[in-house]
Amino acid sequence: MNWKEYITVDQEICHGKACIKGTRIMVSVVLDNLAAGLTADEILQSYPSLTREAVQAAIAYAAELARERVVIMPA
């Protein structure tokens, strides 16, 4: 999965937040829905302009960010 085919960052769209190409749906919205327990099918019903591949791209994008960024957890 090449998430770069599905995700874009443009300062003129959603204040430069990562979005699904061709939409104003932020990647964080897709990930928030998945984290809340929604299935990909439920997300696709709520956002008809999304594709299953775009949902997978959001997950792949988050995985890459998690590999690159260190988050300090409070003790």
N, C-alpha and C. Protein backbone atom coordinates (compact mmCIF):
# COMPACT_ATOMS: atom_id res chain seq x y z
N MET A 1 0.84 -1.18 0.00
CA MET A 1 0.00 0.00 0.00
C MET A 1 0.89 1.24 0.00
N ASN A 2 0.73 2.06 -1.01
CA ASN A 2 1.44 3.33 -1.08
C ASN A 2 0.46 4.43 -0.66
N TRP A 3 0.51 4.78 0.62
CA TRP A 3 -0.45 5.76 1.13
C TRP A 3 -0.33 7.11 0.44
N LYS A 4 0.81 7.41 -0.15
CA LYS A 4 1.02 8.69 -0.81
C LYS A 4 0.12 8.87 -2.03
N GLU A 5 -0.42 7.79 -2.54
CA GLU A 5 -1.36 7.87 -3.66
C GLU A 5 -2.74 8.35 -3.21
N TYR A 6 -3.02 8.31 -1.91
CA TYR A 6 -4.35 8.60 -1.39
C TYR A 6 -4.41 9.78 -0.43
N ILE A 7 -3.27 10.22 0.06
CA ILE A 7 -3.24 11.25 1.10
C ILE A 7 -2.44 12.44 0.63
N THR A 8 -2.95 13.63 0.95
CA THR A 8 -2.28 14.86 0.55
C THR A 8 -2.26 15.85 1.71
N VAL A 9 -1.31 16.75 1.66
CA VAL A 9 -1.25 17.86 2.61
C VAL A 9 -1.13 19.13 1.79
N ASP A 10 -2.11 20.01 1.96
CA ASP A 10 -2.14 21.27 1.21
C ASP A 10 -2.53 22.37 2.19
N GLN A 11 -1.71 23.39 2.30
CA GLN A 11 -1.97 24.47 3.25
C GLN A 11 -3.32 25.16 2.99
N GLU A 12 -3.85 25.04 1.78
CA GLU A 12 -5.11 25.67 1.43
C GLU A 12 -6.33 24.80 1.78
N ILE A 13 -6.08 23.57 2.18
CA ILE A 13 -7.18 22.64 2.49
C ILE A 13 -7.04 22.16 3.92
N CYS A 14 -8.06 22.36 4.72
CA CYS A 14 -8.10 21.91 6.11
C CYS A 14 -6.87 22.36 6.90
N HIS A 15 -6.44 23.58 6.65
CA HIS A 15 -5.33 24.18 7.40
C HIS A 15 -4.05 23.34 7.33
N GLY A 16 -3.86 22.65 6.23
CA GLY A 16 -2.63 21.88 6.05
C GLY A 16 -2.61 20.52 6.73
N LYS A 17 -3.75 20.08 7.23
CA LYS A 17 -3.81 18.75 7.85
C LYS A 17 -3.86 17.69 6.74
N ALA A 18 -3.37 16.52 7.04
CA ALA A 18 -3.40 15.42 6.07
C ALA A 18 -4.84 15.04 5.77
N CYS A 19 -5.17 15.01 4.47
CA CYS A 19 -6.52 14.68 4.02
C CYS A 19 -6.47 13.61 2.95
N ILE A 20 -7.60 12.96 2.76
CA ILE A 20 -7.74 12.02 1.66
C ILE A 20 -7.83 12.84 0.37
N LYS A 21 -7.02 12.49 -0.61
CA LYS A 21 -6.99 13.24 -1.87
C LYS A 21 -8.38 13.37 -2.46
N GLY A 22 -8.67 14.57 -2.96
CA GLY A 22 -9.95 14.83 -3.62
C GLY A 22 -11.08 15.08 -2.66
N THR A 23 -10.78 15.12 -1.36
CA THR A 23 -11.82 15.36 -0.35
C THR A 23 -11.30 16.37 0.67
N ARG A 24 -12.16 16.73 1.57
CA ARG A 24 -11.75 17.52 2.73
C ARG A 24 -11.87 16.66 4.00
N ILE A 25 -11.79 15.36 3.81
CA ILE A 25 -11.86 14.43 4.94
C ILE A 25 -10.46 14.22 5.46
N MET A 26 -10.24 14.66 6.70
CA MET A 26 -8.91 14.53 7.29
C MET A 26 -8.63 13.07 7.67
N VAL A 27 -7.38 12.70 7.54
CA VAL A 27 -6.95 11.36 7.92
C VAL A 27 -7.30 11.12 9.38
N SER A 28 -7.16 12.13 10.21
CA SER A 28 -7.47 11.97 11.63
C SER A 28 -8.92 11.60 11.86
N VAL A 29 -9.83 12.06 11.02
CA VAL A 29 -11.25 11.70 11.15
C VAL A 29 -11.43 10.20 10.89
N VAL A 30 -10.78 9.70 9.86
CA VAL A 30 -10.85 8.26 9.55
C VAL A 30 -10.28 7.46 10.71
N LEU A 31 -9.12 7.87 11.21
CA LEU A 31 -8.49 7.15 12.31
C LEU A 31 -9.30 7.24 13.60
N ASP A 32 -9.88 8.40 13.88
CA ASP A 32 -10.74 8.54 15.06
C ASP A 32 -11.92 7.59 14.99
N ASN A 33 -12.51 7.46 13.81
CA ASN A 33 -13.64 6.55 13.65
C ASN A 33 -13.22 5.10 13.85
N LEU A 34 -12.07 4.73 13.32
CA LEU A 34 -11.58 3.37 13.54
C LEU A 34 -11.29 3.13 15.01
N ALA A 35 -10.68 4.11 15.67
CA ALA A 35 -10.37 3.98 17.09
C ALA A 35 -11.63 3.87 17.94
N ALA A 36 -12.71 4.48 17.46
CA ALA A 36 -13.98 4.42 18.19
C ALA A 36 -14.71 3.10 17.97
N GLY A 37 -14.14 2.24 17.12
CA GLY A 37 -14.72 0.92 16.92
C GLY A 37 -15.54 0.76 15.65
N LEU A 38 -15.63 1.80 14.83
CA LEU A 38 -16.37 1.67 13.58
C LEU A 38 -15.59 0.78 12.62
N THR A 39 -16.30 0.06 11.82
CA THR A 39 -15.67 -0.76 10.79
C THR A 39 -15.42 0.10 9.55
N ALA A 40 -14.60 -0.40 8.66
CA ALA A 40 -14.36 0.31 7.40
C ALA A 40 -15.67 0.51 6.65
N ASP A 41 -16.53 -0.50 6.66
CA ASP A 41 -17.82 -0.39 5.97
C ASP A 41 -18.68 0.72 6.56
N GLU A 42 -18.68 0.85 7.88
CA GLU A 42 -19.45 1.92 8.53
C GLU A 42 -18.89 3.29 8.17
N ILE A 43 -17.58 3.40 8.11
CA ILE A 43 -16.96 4.68 7.73
C ILE A 43 -17.30 5.01 6.28
N LEU A 44 -17.25 4.02 5.42
CA LEU A 44 -17.58 4.24 4.01
C LEU A 44 -19.04 4.66 3.84
N GLN A 45 -19.93 4.16 4.68
CA GLN A 45 -21.33 4.59 4.63
C GLN A 45 -21.47 6.04 5.06
N SER A 46 -20.70 6.44 6.07
CA SER A 46 -20.77 7.82 6.57
C SER A 46 -20.11 8.81 5.62
N TYR A 47 -19.10 8.36 4.91
CA TYR A 47 -18.34 9.22 4.00
C TYR A 47 -18.29 8.55 2.62
N PRO A 48 -19.34 8.70 1.83
CA PRO A 48 -19.42 8.01 0.54
C PRO A 48 -18.31 8.35 -0.45
N SER A 49 -17.64 9.48 -0.25
CA SER A 49 -16.57 9.84 -1.18
C SER A 49 -15.27 9.08 -0.89
N LEU A 50 -15.22 8.37 0.22
CA LEU A 50 -14.05 7.55 0.56
C LEU A 50 -14.11 6.21 -0.16
N THR A 51 -12.95 5.61 -0.29
CA THR A 51 -12.86 4.23 -0.80
C THR A 51 -12.21 3.37 0.28
N ARG A 52 -12.35 2.10 0.13
CA ARG A 52 -11.72 1.17 1.06
C ARG A 52 -10.20 1.37 1.06
N GLU A 53 -9.65 1.63 -0.13
CA GLU A 53 -8.22 1.87 -0.25
C GLU A 53 -7.79 3.13 0.51
N ALA A 54 -8.64 4.14 0.52
CA ALA A 54 -8.32 5.38 1.24
C ALA A 54 -8.30 5.11 2.75
N VAL A 55 -9.20 4.28 3.24
CA VAL A 55 -9.20 3.92 4.66
C VAL A 55 -7.92 3.17 4.99
N GLN A 56 -7.53 2.23 4.14
CA GLN A 56 -6.28 1.49 4.35
C GLN A 56 -5.08 2.43 4.30
N ALA A 57 -5.13 3.41 3.41
CA ALA A 57 -4.04 4.38 3.30
C ALA A 57 -3.91 5.20 4.58
N ALA A 58 -5.04 5.55 5.19
CA ALA A 58 -5.00 6.29 6.45
C ALA A 58 -4.30 5.47 7.53
N ILE A 59 -4.58 4.18 7.56
CA ILE A 59 -3.93 3.30 8.54
C ILE A 59 -2.43 3.21 8.24
N ALA A 60 -2.09 3.06 6.98
CA ALA A 60 -0.67 2.96 6.60
C ALA A 60 0.06 4.26 6.93
N TYR A 61 -0.58 5.39 6.72
CA TYR A 61 0.00 6.70 7.04
C TYR A 61 0.27 6.79 8.54
N ALA A 62 -0.70 6.38 9.35
CA ALA A 62 -0.54 6.41 10.81
C ALA A 62 0.58 5.48 11.25
N ALA A 63 0.68 4.32 10.62
CA ALA A 63 1.74 3.38 10.96
C ALA A 63 3.10 3.99 10.67
N GLU A 64 3.23 4.67 9.55
CA GLU A 64 4.51 5.30 9.23
C GLU A 64 4.83 6.40 10.23
N LEU A 65 3.86 7.21 10.60
CA LEU A 65 4.09 8.25 11.60
C LEU A 65 4.52 7.65 12.93
N ALA A 66 3.93 6.53 13.30
CA ALA A 66 4.27 5.89 14.57
C ALA A 66 5.70 5.37 14.56
N ARG A 67 6.19 4.96 13.41
CA ARG A 67 7.58 4.50 13.31
C ARG A 67 8.56 5.66 13.40
N GLU A 68 8.15 6.83 12.97
CA GLU A 68 9.05 7.97 12.87
C GLU A 68 9.05 8.87 14.10
N ARG A 69 8.04 8.80 14.90
CA ARG A 69 7.88 9.76 15.98
C ARG A 69 7.93 9.07 17.33
N VAL A 70 8.63 9.67 18.26
CA VAL A 70 8.69 9.15 19.61
C VAL A 70 7.72 9.94 20.47
N VAL A 71 6.83 9.25 21.15
CA VAL A 71 5.88 9.90 22.05
C VAL A 71 6.29 9.54 23.47
N ILE A 72 6.57 10.54 24.28
CA ILE A 72 6.96 10.32 25.67
C ILE A 72 5.70 10.09 26.49
N MET A 73 5.65 8.97 27.15
CA MET A 73 4.50 8.61 27.99
C MET A 73 4.77 9.01 29.43
N PRO A 74 3.82 9.71 30.05
CA PRO A 74 4.04 10.07 31.46
C PRO A 74 4.09 8.82 32.34
N ALA A 75 4.88 8.90 33.38
CA ALA A 75 5.05 7.75 34.27
C ALA A 75 3.87 7.57 35.20
